[in-house]
Amino acid sequence: MKKRRTKVRKSSTKNWGQKGTSIAIAATVSIPSGKCPFIAEDTSKSSILEWIACLTAEKQSAITYKQSVYKYWIRHSFDVNSQDYKDAVKIIEVAVPDKVKTVSDLNFDTSEYLLG
C-alpha cells in the first residue's frame, strides 16, 4: 500500500513580522513576574505607603493586582527572613485590600505620596 502524501498549502507570510496596535487585556495578577519596578527605602509606614502608591499608579489600567502582588514584590526590598520584611507585610495587609484596580481602591489617601 502506498503512503499518501498530504499537500500543505502555505499561507501568505507577508504580514507575520508586522506589529499592530497593542490592546491591554483585562487580567488579575496574583504573583507577578520579573523585578519590582520600585524599591522601598525603609520600613517606615510612610515609605511603604509611598511604595504601594507608586506601584499601583504605574500599573496598566486593565490589570487588577491582588494583595499577594505587593507581598511578593516587597521581597525585592527586604530579606524574607528579616523583621523588616515582616513589618512591611503588616503595613501592606492594612493598606491594601484583596483586589486593587486603581489607586482609589487603596485603604489610604494617596495624594500625599503621588505627584499631580
PDB file of N, CA and C in Angstrom:
ATOM      1  N   MET A   1       0.840  -1.180   0.000  1.00  0.00           N
ATOM      2  CA  MET A   1       0.000   0.000   0.000  1.00  0.00           C
ATOM      3  C   MET A   1       0.883   1.241   0.000  1.00  0.00           C
ATOM      4  N   LYS A   2       0.594   2.167  -0.844  1.00  0.00           N
ATOM      5  CA  LYS A   2       1.371   3.392  -0.954  1.00  0.00           C
ATOM      6  C   LYS A   2       0.946   4.381   0.113  1.00  0.00           C
ATOM      7  N   LYS A   3       1.945   5.097   0.632  1.00  0.00           N
ATOM      8  CA  LYS A   3       1.638   6.188   1.568  1.00  0.00           C
ATOM      9  C   LYS A   3       1.207   7.399   0.767  1.00  0.00           C
ATOM     10  N   ARG A   4       0.166   7.966   1.216  1.00  0.00           N
ATOM     11  CA  ARG A   4      -0.332   9.139   0.524  1.00  0.00           C
ATOM     12  C   ARG A   4       0.272  10.381   1.153  1.00  0.00           C
ATOM     13  N   ARG A   5       0.882  11.188   0.370  1.00  0.00           N
ATOM     14  CA  ARG A   5       1.476  12.434   0.860  1.00  0.00           C
ATOM     15  C   ARG A   5       0.412  13.512   0.898  1.00  0.00           C
ATOM     16  N   THR A   6       0.339  14.165   2.055  1.00  0.00           N
ATOM     17  CA  THR A   6      -0.626  15.249   2.149  1.00  0.00           C
ATOM     18  C   THR A   6      -0.007  16.520   1.597  1.00  0.00           C
ATOM     19  N   LYS A   7      -0.825  17.296   0.988  1.00  0.00           N
ATOM     20  CA  LYS A   7      -0.351  18.563   0.450  1.00  0.00           C
ATOM     21  C   LYS A   7      -0.594  19.648   1.482  1.00  0.00           C
ATOM     22  N   VAL A   8       0.427  20.425   1.728  1.00  0.00           N
ATOM     23  CA  VAL A   8       0.311  21.524   2.672  1.00  0.00           C
ATOM     24  C   VAL A   8       0.306  22.820   1.885  1.00  0.00           C
ATOM     25  N   ARG A   9      -0.723  23.589   2.094  1.00  0.00           N
ATOM     26  CA  ARG A   9      -0.822  24.865   1.416  1.00  0.00           C
ATOM     27  C   ARG A   9      -0.210  25.926   2.317  1.00  0.00           C
ATOM     28  N   LYS A  10       0.715  26.628   1.784  1.00  0.00           N
ATOM     29  CA  LYS A  10       1.384  27.677   2.538  1.00  0.00           C
ATOM     30  C   LYS A  10       0.586  28.967   2.409  1.00  0.00           C
ATOM     31  N   SER A  11       0.276  29.535   3.552  1.00  0.00           N
ATOM     32  CA  SER A  11      -0.429  30.818   3.511  1.00  0.00           C
ATOM     33  C   SER A  11       0.579  31.943   3.309  1.00  0.00           C
ATOM     34  N   SER A  12       0.085  33.082   3.060  1.00  0.00           N
ATOM     35  CA  SER A  12       0.951  34.238   2.864  1.00  0.00           C
ATOM     36  C   SER A  12       1.648  34.598   4.176  1.00  0.00           C
ATOM     37  N   THR A  13       2.941  34.750   4.137  1.00  0.00           N
ATOM     38  CA  THR A  13       3.724  35.115   5.330  1.00  0.00           C
ATOM     39  C   THR A  13       4.110  36.584   5.301  1.00  0.00           C
ATOM     40  N   LYS A  14       3.495  37.338   4.417  1.00  0.00           N
ATOM     41  CA  LYS A  14       3.858  38.733   4.218  1.00  0.00           C
ATOM     42  C   LYS A  14       3.668  39.583   5.484  1.00  0.00           C
ATOM     43  N   ASN A  15       2.614  39.329   6.269  1.00  0.00           N
ATOM     44  CA  ASN A  15       2.288  40.165   7.426  1.00  0.00           C
ATOM     45  C   ASN A  15       2.771  39.593   8.764  1.00  0.00           C
ATOM     46  N   TRP A  16       3.531  38.551   8.777  1.00  0.00           N
ATOM     47  CA  TRP A  16       3.913  37.898  10.024  1.00  0.00           C
ATOM     48  C   TRP A  16       4.747  38.774  10.934  1.00  0.00           C
ATOM     49  N   GLY A  17       5.613  39.582  10.407  1.00  0.00           N
ATOM     50  CA  GLY A  17       6.512  40.379  11.226  1.00  0.00           C
ATOM     51  C   GLY A  17       5.979  41.753  11.603  1.00  0.00           C
ATOM     52  N   GLN A  18       4.812  42.112  11.104  1.00  0.00           N
ATOM     53  CA  GLN A  18       4.287  43.444  11.364  1.00  0.00           C
ATOM     54  C   GLN A  18       3.677  43.532  12.750  1.00  0.00           C
ATOM     55  N   LYS A  19       3.874  44.676  13.354  1.00  0.00           N
ATOM     56  CA  LYS A  19       3.306  44.919  14.671  1.00  0.00           C
ATOM     57  C   LYS A  19       2.101  45.835  14.529  1.00  0.00           C
ATOM     58  N   GLY A  20       1.027  45.457  15.181  1.00  0.00           N
ATOM     59  CA  GLY A  20      -0.163  46.286  15.162  1.00  0.00           C
ATOM     60  C   GLY A  20      -0.263  47.057  16.468  1.00  0.00           C
ATOM     61  N   THR A  21      -1.415  47.599  16.701  1.00  0.00           N
ATOM     62  CA  THR A  21      -1.626  48.310  17.957  1.00  0.00           C
ATOM     63  C   THR A  21      -1.853  47.286  19.059  1.00  0.00           C
ATOM     64  N   SER A  22      -1.253  47.508  20.201  1.00  0.00           N
ATOM     65  CA  SER A  22      -1.433  46.576  21.309  1.00  0.00           C
ATOM     66  C   SER A  22      -2.610  47.030  22.165  1.00  0.00           C
ATOM     67  N   ILE A  23      -3.418  46.082  22.546  1.00  0.00           N
ATOM     68  CA  ILE A  23      -4.588  46.349  23.364  1.00  0.00           C
ATOM     69  C   ILE A  23      -4.395  45.642  24.696  1.00  0.00           C
ATOM     70  N   ALA A  24      -4.556  46.384  25.781  1.00  0.00           N
ATOM     71  CA  ALA A  24      -4.407  45.780  27.098  1.00  0.00           C
ATOM     72  C   ALA A  24      -5.584  44.851  27.372  1.00  0.00           C
ATOM     73  N   ILE A  25      -5.272  43.651  27.811  1.00  0.00           N
ATOM     74  CA  ILE A  25      -6.296  42.662  28.119  1.00  0.00           C
ATOM     75  C   ILE A  25      -6.499  42.652  29.626  1.00  0.00           C
ATOM     76  N   ALA A  26      -7.751  42.692  30.047  1.00  0.00           N
ATOM     77  CA  ALA A  26      -8.047  42.698  31.476  1.00  0.00           C
ATOM     78  C   ALA A  26      -7.566  41.399  32.113  1.00  0.00           C
ATOM     79  N   ALA A  27      -6.865  41.531  33.223  1.00  0.00           N
ATOM     80  CA  ALA A  27      -6.347  40.359  33.926  1.00  0.00           C
ATOM     81  C   ALA A  27      -6.194  40.681  35.400  1.00  0.00           C
ATOM     82  N   THR A  28      -6.245  39.649  36.212  1.00  0.00           N
ATOM     83  CA  THR A  28      -5.976  39.785  37.636  1.00  0.00           C
ATOM     84  C   THR A  28      -4.669  39.070  37.926  1.00  0.00           C
ATOM     85  N   VAL A  29      -3.720  39.786  38.492  1.00  0.00           N
ATOM     86  CA  VAL A  29      -2.399  39.232  38.772  1.00  0.00           C
ATOM     87  C   VAL A  29      -2.326  38.838  40.238  1.00  0.00           C
ATOM     88  N   SER A  30      -1.931  37.584  40.482  1.00  0.00           N
ATOM     89  CA  SER A  30      -1.743  37.100  41.852  1.00  0.00           C
ATOM     90  C   SER A  30      -0.274  37.118  42.232  1.00  0.00           C
ATOM     91  N   ILE A  31       0.562  36.601  41.333  1.00  0.00           N
ATOM     92  CA  ILE A  31       2.010  36.581  41.544  1.00  0.00           C
ATOM     93  C   ILE A  31       2.648  37.175  40.295  1.00  0.00           C
ATOM     94  N   PRO A  32       3.333  38.312  40.435  1.00  0.00           N
ATOM     95  CA  PRO A  32       3.927  38.960  39.262  1.00  0.00           C
ATOM     96  C   PRO A  32       5.220  38.262  38.835  1.00  0.00           C
ATOM     97  N   SER A  33       5.623  38.524  37.614  1.00  0.00           N
ATOM     98  CA  SER A  33       6.905  38.010  37.142  1.00  0.00           C
ATOM     99  C   SER A  33       7.863  39.185  36.973  1.00  0.00           C
ATOM    100  N   GLY A  34       9.124  38.910  37.078  1.00  0.00           N
ATOM    101  CA  GLY A  34      10.121  39.952  36.895  1.00  0.00           C
ATOM    102  C   GLY A  34      10.401  40.736  38.159  1.00  0.00           C
ATOM    103  N   LYS A  35      11.275  41.714  37.996  1.00  0.00           N
ATOM    104  CA  LYS A  35      11.666  42.550  39.137  1.00  0.00           C
ATOM    105  C   LYS A  35      10.628  43.615  39.419  1.00  0.00           C
ATOM    106  N   CYS A  36      10.574  43.998  40.674  1.00  0.00           N
ATOM    107  CA  CYS A  36       9.680  45.065  41.085  1.00  0.00           C
ATOM    108  C   CYS A  36      10.199  46.395  40.516  1.00  0.00           C
ATOM    109  N   PRO A  37       9.325  47.217  39.955  1.00  0.00           N
ATOM    110  CA  PRO A  37       9.785  48.487  39.381  1.00  0.00           C
ATOM    111  C   PRO A  37      10.224  49.516  40.418  1.00  0.00           C
ATOM    112  N   PHE A  38       9.872  49.335  41.687  1.00  0.00           N
ATOM    113  CA  PHE A  38      10.243  50.265  42.751  1.00  0.00           C
ATOM    114  C   PHE A  38      10.833  49.502  43.929  1.00  0.00           C
ATOM    115  N   ILE A  39      11.734  50.146  44.640  1.00  0.00           N
ATOM    116  CA  ILE A  39      12.348  49.564  45.835  1.00  0.00           C
ATOM    117  C   ILE A  39      11.987  50.446  47.024  1.00  0.00           C
ATOM    118  N   ALA A  40      11.502  49.807  48.093  1.00  0.00           N
ATOM    119  CA  ALA A  40      11.187  50.546  49.320  1.00  0.00           C
ATOM    120  C   ALA A  40      12.490  50.865  50.039  1.00  0.00           C
ATOM    121  N   GLU A  41      12.624  52.111  50.489  1.00  0.00           N
ATOM    122  CA  GLU A  41      13.860  52.556  51.127  1.00  0.00           C
ATOM    123  C   GLU A  41      14.012  52.003  52.549  1.00  0.00           C
ATOM    124  N   ASP A  42      12.933  52.038  53.314  1.00  0.00           N
ATOM    125  CA  ASP A  42      12.978  51.537  54.692  1.00  0.00           C
ATOM    126  C   ASP A  42      11.595  51.044  55.083  1.00  0.00           C
ATOM    127  N   THR A  43      11.446  50.618  56.327  1.00  0.00           N
ATOM    128  CA  THR A  43      10.163  50.041  56.756  1.00  0.00           C
ATOM    129  C   THR A  43       9.261  51.035  57.469  1.00  0.00           C
ATOM    130  N   SER A  44       9.554  52.319  57.356  1.00  0.00           N
ATOM    131  CA  SER A  44       8.650  53.297  57.957  1.00  0.00           C
ATOM    132  C   SER A  44       7.313  53.238  57.217  1.00  0.00           C
ATOM    133  N   LYS A  45       6.251  53.547  57.923  1.00  0.00           N
ATOM    134  CA  LYS A  45       4.915  53.469  57.328  1.00  0.00           C
ATOM    135  C   LYS A  45       4.804  54.349  56.099  1.00  0.00           C
ATOM    136  N   SER A  46       5.330  55.567  56.164  1.00  0.00           N
ATOM    137  CA  SER A  46       5.235  56.480  55.024  1.00  0.00           C
ATOM    138  C   SER A  46       6.007  55.955  53.807  1.00  0.00           C
ATOM    139  N   SER A  47       7.152  55.318  54.038  1.00  0.00           N
ATOM    140  CA  SER A  47       7.937  54.774  52.940  1.00  0.00           C
ATOM    141  C   SER A  47       7.215  53.608  52.260  1.00  0.00           C
ATOM    142  N   ILE A  48       6.607  52.729  53.040  1.00  0.00           N
ATOM    143  CA  ILE A  48       5.883  51.588  52.481  1.00  0.00           C
ATOM    144  C   ILE A  48       4.620  52.058  51.756  1.00  0.00           C
ATOM    145  N   LEU A  49       3.914  53.038  52.332  1.00  0.00           N
ATOM    146  CA  LEU A  49       2.714  53.564  51.679  1.00  0.00           C
ATOM    147  C   LEU A  49       3.059  54.253  50.360  1.00  0.00           C
ATOM    148  N   GLU A  50       4.168  54.969  50.326  1.00  0.00           N
ATOM    149  CA  GLU A  50       4.613  55.602  49.087  1.00  0.00           C
ATOM    150  C   GLU A  50       4.946  54.533  48.048  1.00  0.00           C
ATOM    151  N   TRP A  51       5.597  53.463  48.465  1.00  0.00           N
ATOM    152  CA  TRP A  51       5.950  52.356  47.577  1.00  0.00           C
ATOM    153  C   TRP A  51       4.680  51.724  46.992  1.00  0.00           C
ATOM    154  N   ILE A  52       3.672  51.503  47.828  1.00  0.00           N
ATOM    155  CA  ILE A  52       2.406  50.925  47.380  1.00  0.00           C
ATOM    156  C   ILE A  52       1.714  51.860  46.382  1.00  0.00           C
ATOM    157  N   ALA A  53       1.668  53.151  46.696  1.00  0.00           N
ATOM    158  CA  ALA A  53       1.013  54.127  45.828  1.00  0.00           C
ATOM    159  C   ALA A  53       1.704  54.213  44.467  1.00  0.00           C
ATOM    160  N   CYS A  54       3.022  54.253  44.454  1.00  0.00           N
ATOM    161  CA  CYS A  54       3.769  54.335  43.194  1.00  0.00           C
ATOM    162  C   CYS A  54       3.568  53.077  42.359  1.00  0.00           C
ATOM    163  N   LEU A  55       3.612  51.936  43.002  1.00  0.00           N
ATOM    164  CA  LEU A  55       3.427  50.664  42.308  1.00  0.00           C
ATOM    165  C   LEU A  55       2.040  50.575  41.674  1.00  0.00           C
ATOM    166  N   THR A  56       1.047  51.009  42.403  1.00  0.00           N
ATOM    167  CA  THR A  56      -0.330  50.964  41.902  1.00  0.00           C
ATOM    168  C   THR A  56      -0.540  51.974  40.778  1.00  0.00           C
ATOM    169  N   ALA A  57       0.036  53.156  40.907  1.00  0.00           N
ATOM    170  CA  ALA A  57      -0.129  54.200  39.888  1.00  0.00           C
ATOM    171  C   ALA A  57       0.530  53.814  38.562  1.00  0.00           C
ATOM    172  N   GLU A  58       1.595  53.032  38.609  1.00  0.00           N
ATOM    173  CA  GLU A  58       2.342  52.676  37.406  1.00  0.00           C
ATOM    174  C   GLU A  58       1.750  51.500  36.635  1.00  0.00           C
ATOM    175  N   LYS A  59       0.875  50.726  37.241  1.00  0.00           N
ATOM    176  CA  LYS A  59       0.341  49.548  36.551  1.00  0.00           C
ATOM    177  C   LYS A  59      -0.643  49.959  35.458  1.00  0.00           C
ATOM    178  N   GLN A  60      -0.855  49.076  34.489  1.00  0.00           N
ATOM    179  CA  GLN A  60      -1.809  49.345  33.423  1.00  0.00           C
ATOM    180  C   GLN A  60      -3.223  49.317  33.982  1.00  0.00           C
ATOM    181  N   SER A  61      -4.093  50.123  33.421  1.00  0.00           N
ATOM    182  CA  SER A  61      -5.451  50.262  33.956  1.00  0.00           C
ATOM    183  C   SER A  61      -6.280  48.989  33.823  1.00  0.00           C
ATOM    184  N   ALA A  62      -5.972  48.134  32.852  1.00  0.00           N
ATOM    185  CA  ALA A  62      -6.747  46.907  32.656  1.00  0.00           C
ATOM    186  C   ALA A  62      -6.351  45.805  33.634  1.00  0.00           C
ATOM    187  N   ILE A  63      -5.249  45.995  34.339  1.00  0.00           N
ATOM    188  CA  ILE A  63      -4.730  44.972  35.249  1.00  0.00           C
ATOM    189  C   ILE A  63      -5.253  45.217  36.661  1.00  0.00           C
ATOM    190  N   THR A  64      -5.645  44.145  37.321  1.00  0.00           N
ATOM    191  CA  THR A  64      -6.038  44.192  38.725  1.00  0.00           C
ATOM    192  C   THR A  64      -4.985  43.437  39.525  1.00  0.00           C
ATOM    193  N   TYR A  65      -4.482  44.065  40.574  1.00  0.00           N
ATOM    194  CA  TYR A  65      -3.496  43.421  41.448  1.00  0.00           C
ATOM    195  C   TYR A  65      -4.194  42.845  42.670  1.00  0.00           C
ATOM    196  N   LYS A  66      -3.799  41.641  43.039  1.00  0.00           N
ATOM    197  CA  LYS A  66      -4.242  41.089  44.313  1.00  0.00           C
ATOM    198  C   LYS A  66      -3.243  41.547  45.380  1.00  0.00           C
ATOM    199  N   GLN A  67      -3.628  41.434  46.641  1.00  0.00           N
ATOM    200  CA  GLN A  67      -2.753  41.842  47.737  1.00  0.00           C
ATOM    201  C   GLN A  67      -1.440  41.051  47.715  1.00  0.00           C
ATOM    202  N   SER A  68      -1.487  39.825  47.225  1.00  0.00           N
ATOM    203  CA  SER A  68      -0.300  38.978  47.168  1.00  0.00           C
ATOM    204  C   SER A  68       0.800  39.555  46.271  1.00  0.00           C
ATOM    205  N   VAL A  69       0.421  40.390  45.296  1.00  0.00           N
ATOM    206  CA  VAL A  69       1.415  41.028  44.421  1.00  0.00           C
ATOM    207  C   VAL A  69       2.342  41.919  45.244  1.00  0.00           C
ATOM    208  N   TYR A  70       1.758  42.698  46.130  1.00  0.00           N
ATOM    209  CA  TYR A  70       2.548  43.615  46.958  1.00  0.00           C
ATOM    210  C   TYR A  70       3.426  42.832  47.941  1.00  0.00           C
ATOM    211  N   LYS A  71       2.861  41.779  48.522  1.00  0.00           N
ATOM    212  CA  LYS A  71       3.639  40.947  49.454  1.00  0.00           C
ATOM    213  C   LYS A  71       4.789  40.256  48.731  1.00  0.00           C
ATOM    214  N   TYR A  72       4.555  39.860  47.498  1.00  0.00           N
ATOM    215  CA  TYR A  72       5.606  39.205  46.717  1.00  0.00           C
ATOM    216  C   TYR A  72       6.716  40.186  46.365  1.00  0.00           C
ATOM    217  N   TRP A  73       6.322  41.364  45.878  1.00  0.00           N
ATOM    218  CA  TRP A  73       7.328  42.324  45.409  1.00  0.00           C
ATOM    219  C   TRP A  73       8.092  43.006  46.538  1.00  0.00           C
ATOM    220  N   ILE A  74       7.558  43.019  47.740  1.00  0.00           N
ATOM    221  CA  ILE A  74       8.312  43.642  48.837  1.00  0.00           C
ATOM    222  C   ILE A  74       9.556  42.807  49.165  1.00  0.00           C
ATOM    223  N   ARG A  75       9.563  41.553  48.705  1.00  0.00           N
ATOM    224  CA  ARG A  75      10.736  40.695  48.886  1.00  0.00           C
ATOM    225  C   ARG A  75      11.965  41.252  48.168  1.00  0.00           C
ATOM    226  N   HIS A  76      11.748  42.070  47.142  1.00  0.00           N
ATOM    227  CA  HIS A  76      12.872  42.664  46.413  1.00  0.00           C
ATOM    228  C   HIS A  76      13.522  43.795  47.219  1.00  0.00           C
ATOM    229  N   SER A  77      12.815  44.293  48.220  1.00  0.00           N
ATOM    230  CA  SER A  77      13.344  45.378  49.038  1.00  0.00           C
ATOM    231  C   SER A  77      13.971  44.877  50.341  1.00  0.00           C
ATOM    232  N   PHE A  78      13.421  43.792  50.879  1.00  0.00           N
ATOM    233  CA  PHE A  78      13.880  43.290  52.182  1.00  0.00           C
ATOM    234  C   PHE A  78      14.031  41.773  52.132  1.00  0.00           C
ATOM    235  N   ASP A  79      14.949  41.247  52.927  1.00  0.00           N
ATOM    236  CA  ASP A  79      15.153  39.810  53.043  1.00  0.00           C
ATOM    237  C   ASP A  79      13.897  39.173  53.652  1.00  0.00           C
ATOM    238  N   VAL A  80      13.450  38.075  53.082  1.00  0.00           N
ATOM    239  CA  VAL A  80      12.215  37.423  53.506  1.00  0.00           C
ATOM    240  C   VAL A  80      12.267  36.982  54.972  1.00  0.00           C
ATOM    241  N   ASN A  81      13.433  36.658  55.457  1.00  0.00           N
ATOM    242  CA  ASN A  81      13.573  36.169  56.833  1.00  0.00           C
ATOM    243  C   ASN A  81      13.798  37.280  57.853  1.00  0.00           C
ATOM    244  N   SER A  82      13.814  38.522  57.412  1.00  0.00           N
ATOM    245  CA  SER A  82      14.120  39.633  58.313  1.00  0.00           C
ATOM    246  C   SER A  82      12.857  40.189  58.974  1.00  0.00           C
ATOM    247  N   GLN A  83      13.068  40.904  60.048  1.00  0.00           N
ATOM    248  CA  GLN A  83      11.961  41.567  60.731  1.00  0.00           C
ATOM    249  C   GLN A  83      11.431  42.723  59.883  1.00  0.00           C
ATOM    250  N   ASP A  84      12.313  43.350  59.094  1.00  0.00           N
ATOM    251  CA  ASP A  84      11.888  44.440  58.198  1.00  0.00           C
ATOM    252  C   ASP A  84      10.811  43.958  57.228  1.00  0.00           C
ATOM    253  N   TYR A  85      11.004  42.770  56.675  1.00  0.00           N
ATOM    254  CA  TYR A  85      10.027  42.194  55.751  1.00  0.00           C
ATOM    255  C   TYR A  85       8.696  41.963  56.459  1.00  0.00           C
ATOM    256  N   LYS A  86       8.740  41.409  57.640  1.00  0.00           N
ATOM    257  CA  LYS A  86       7.516  41.134  58.402  1.00  0.00           C
ATOM    258  C   LYS A  86       6.775  42.421  58.746  1.00  0.00           C
ATOM    259  N   ASP A  87       7.526  43.469  59.100  1.00  0.00           N
ATOM    260  CA  ASP A  87       6.908  44.769  59.394  1.00  0.00           C
ATOM    261  C   ASP A  87       6.248  45.363  58.157  1.00  0.00           C
ATOM    262  N   ALA A  88       6.920  45.247  57.017  1.00  0.00           N
ATOM    263  CA  ALA A  88       6.386  45.783  55.765  1.00  0.00           C
ATOM    264  C   ALA A  88       5.110  45.033  55.356  1.00  0.00           C
ATOM    265  N   VAL A  89       5.094  43.729  55.537  1.00  0.00           N
ATOM    266  CA  VAL A  89       3.910  42.927  55.187  1.00  0.00           C
ATOM    267  C   VAL A  89       2.720  43.313  56.063  1.00  0.00           C
ATOM    268  N   LYS A  90       2.972  43.621  57.337  1.00  0.00           N
ATOM    269  CA  LYS A  90       1.884  44.056  58.228  1.00  0.00           C
ATOM    270  C   LYS A  90       1.253  45.356  57.718  1.00  0.00           C
ATOM    271  N   ILE A  91       2.083  46.282  57.264  1.00  0.00           N
ATOM    272  CA  ILE A  91       1.581  47.549  56.718  1.00  0.00           C
ATOM    273  C   ILE A  91       0.792  47.288  55.432  1.00  0.00           C
ATOM    274  N   ILE A  92       1.292  46.389  54.582  1.00  0.00           N
ATOM    275  CA  ILE A  92       0.614  46.051  53.332  1.00  0.00           C
ATOM    276  C   ILE A  92      -0.759  45.451  53.616  1.00  0.00           C
ATOM    277  N   GLU A  93      -0.836  44.573  54.601  1.00  0.00           N
ATOM    278  CA  GLU A  93      -2.109  43.919  54.928  1.00  0.00           C
ATOM    279  C   GLU A  93      -3.179  44.915  55.368  1.00  0.00           C
ATOM    280  N   VAL A  94      -2.763  46.005  55.993  1.00  0.00           N
ATOM    281  CA  VAL A  94      -3.713  47.029  56.429  1.00  0.00           C
ATOM    282  C   VAL A  94      -4.053  47.991  55.285  1.00  0.00           C
ATOM    283  N   ALA A  95      -3.060  48.363  54.498  1.00  0.00           N
ATOM    284  CA  ALA A  95      -3.229  49.417  53.493  1.00  0.00           C
ATOM    285  C   ALA A  95      -3.809  48.939  52.167  1.00  0.00           C
ATOM    286  N   VAL A  96      -3.664  47.648  51.864  1.00  0.00           N
ATOM    287  CA  VAL A  96      -4.069  47.142  50.554  1.00  0.00           C
ATOM    288  C   VAL A  96      -5.245  46.173  50.711  1.00  0.00           C
ATOM    289  N   PRO A  97      -6.357  46.411  49.998  1.00  0.00           N
ATOM    290  CA  PRO A  97      -7.479  45.463  50.039  1.00  0.00           C
ATOM    291  C   PRO A  97      -7.146  44.192  49.242  1.00  0.00           C
ATOM    292  N   ASP A  98      -8.073  43.251  49.191  1.00  0.00           N
ATOM    293  CA  ASP A  98      -7.828  41.986  48.488  1.00  0.00           C
ATOM    294  C   ASP A  98      -7.529  42.187  47.008  1.00  0.00           C
ATOM    295  N   LYS A  99      -8.247  43.125  46.360  1.00  0.00           N
ATOM    296  CA  LYS A  99      -8.013  43.412  44.943  1.00  0.00           C
ATOM    297  C   LYS A  99      -7.905  44.916  44.737  1.00  0.00           C
ATOM    298  N   VAL A 100      -6.949  45.314  43.891  1.00  0.00           N
ATOM    299  CA  VAL A 100      -6.717  46.739  43.620  1.00  0.00           C
ATOM    300  C   VAL A 100      -6.760  46.970  42.120  1.00  0.00           C
ATOM    301  N   LYS A 101      -7.699  47.807  41.705  1.00  0.00           N
ATOM    302  CA  LYS A 101      -7.812  48.169  40.284  1.00  0.00           C
ATOM    303  C   LYS A 101      -7.205  49.554  40.038  1.00  0.00           C
ATOM    304  N   THR A 102      -7.467  50.509  40.936  1.00  0.00           N
ATOM    305  CA  THR A 102      -6.927  51.867  40.811  1.00  0.00           C
ATOM    306  C   THR A 102      -6.391  52.312  42.176  1.00  0.00           C
ATOM    307  N   VAL A 103      -5.708  53.450  42.196  1.00  0.00           N
ATOM    308  CA  VAL A 103      -5.175  53.961  43.467  1.00  0.00           C
ATOM    309  C   VAL A 103      -6.287  54.328  44.440  1.00  0.00           C
ATOM    310  N   SER A 104      -7.468  54.616  43.927  1.00  0.00           N
ATOM    311  CA  SER A 104      -8.586  54.948  44.823  1.00  0.00           C
ATOM    312  C   SER A 104      -9.076  53.729  45.607  1.00  0.00           C
ATOM    313  N   ASP A 105      -8.712  52.535  45.178  1.00  0.00           N
ATOM    314  CA  ASP A 105      -9.095  51.317  45.900  1.00  0.00           C
ATOM    315  C   ASP A 105      -8.268  51.100  47.169  1.00  0.00           C
ATOM    316  N   LEU A 106      -7.135  51.758  47.260  1.00  0.00           N
ATOM    317  CA  LEU A 106      -6.256  51.578  48.414  1.00  0.00           C
ATOM    318  C   LEU A 106      -6.901  52.142  49.676  1.00  0.00           C
ATOM    319  N   ASN A 107      -6.526  51.604  50.825  1.00  0.00           N
ATOM    320  CA  ASN A 107      -7.134  51.984  52.107  1.00  0.00           C
ATOM    321  C   ASN A 107      -6.462  53.196  52.763  1.00  0.00           C
ATOM    322  N   PHE A 108      -5.885  54.075  51.973  1.00  0.00           N
ATOM    323  CA  PHE A 108      -5.273  55.296  52.499  1.00  0.00           C
ATOM    324  C   PHE A 108      -5.302  56.375  51.431  1.00  0.00           C
ATOM    325  N   ASP A 109      -5.070  57.614  51.847  1.00  0.00           N
ATOM    326  CA  ASP A 109      -5.065  58.751  50.928  1.00  0.00           C
ATOM    327  C   ASP A 109      -3.732  58.797  50.190  1.00  0.00           C
ATOM    328  N   THR A 110      -3.762  58.575  48.893  1.00  0.00           N
ATOM    329  CA  THR A 110      -2.522  58.510  48.094  1.00  0.00           C
ATOM    330  C   THR A 110      -2.058  59.881  47.625  1.00  0.00           C
ATOM    331  N   SER A 111      -2.846  60.932  47.824  1.00  0.00           N
ATOM    332  CA  SER A 111      -2.498  62.247  47.281  1.00  0.00           C
ATOM    333  C   SER A 111      -1.188  62.796  47.826  1.00  0.00           C
ATOM    334  N   GLU A 112      -0.856  62.457  49.064  1.00  0.00           N
ATOM    335  CA  GLU A 112       0.397  62.968  49.636  1.00  0.00           C
ATOM    336  C   GLU A 112       1.625  62.190  49.163  1.00  0.00           C
ATOM    337  N   TYR A 113       1.408  61.039  48.508  1.00  0.00           N
ATOM    338  CA  TYR A 113       2.517  60.213  48.039  1.00  0.00           C
ATOM    339  C   TYR A 113       2.743  60.299  46.543  1.00  0.00           C
ATOM    340  N   LEU A 114       1.739  60.753  45.803  1.00  0.00           N
ATOM    341  CA  LEU A 114       1.858  60.837  44.348  1.00  0.00           C
ATOM    342  C   LEU A 114       1.847  62.304  43.918  1.00  0.00           C
ATOM    343  N   LEU A 115       2.669  62.617  42.941  1.00  0.00           N
ATOM    344  CA  LEU A 115       2.690  63.986  42.410  1.00  0.00           C
ATOM    345  C   LEU A 115       1.605  64.128  41.374  1.00  0.00           C
ATOM    346  N   GLY A 116       0.956  65.258  41.356  1.00  0.00           N
ATOM    347  CA  GLY A 116      -0.039  65.538  40.348  1.00  0.00           C
ATOM    348  C   GLY A 116      -1.332  65.059  40.705  1.00  0.00           C
TER     349      GLY A 116
END
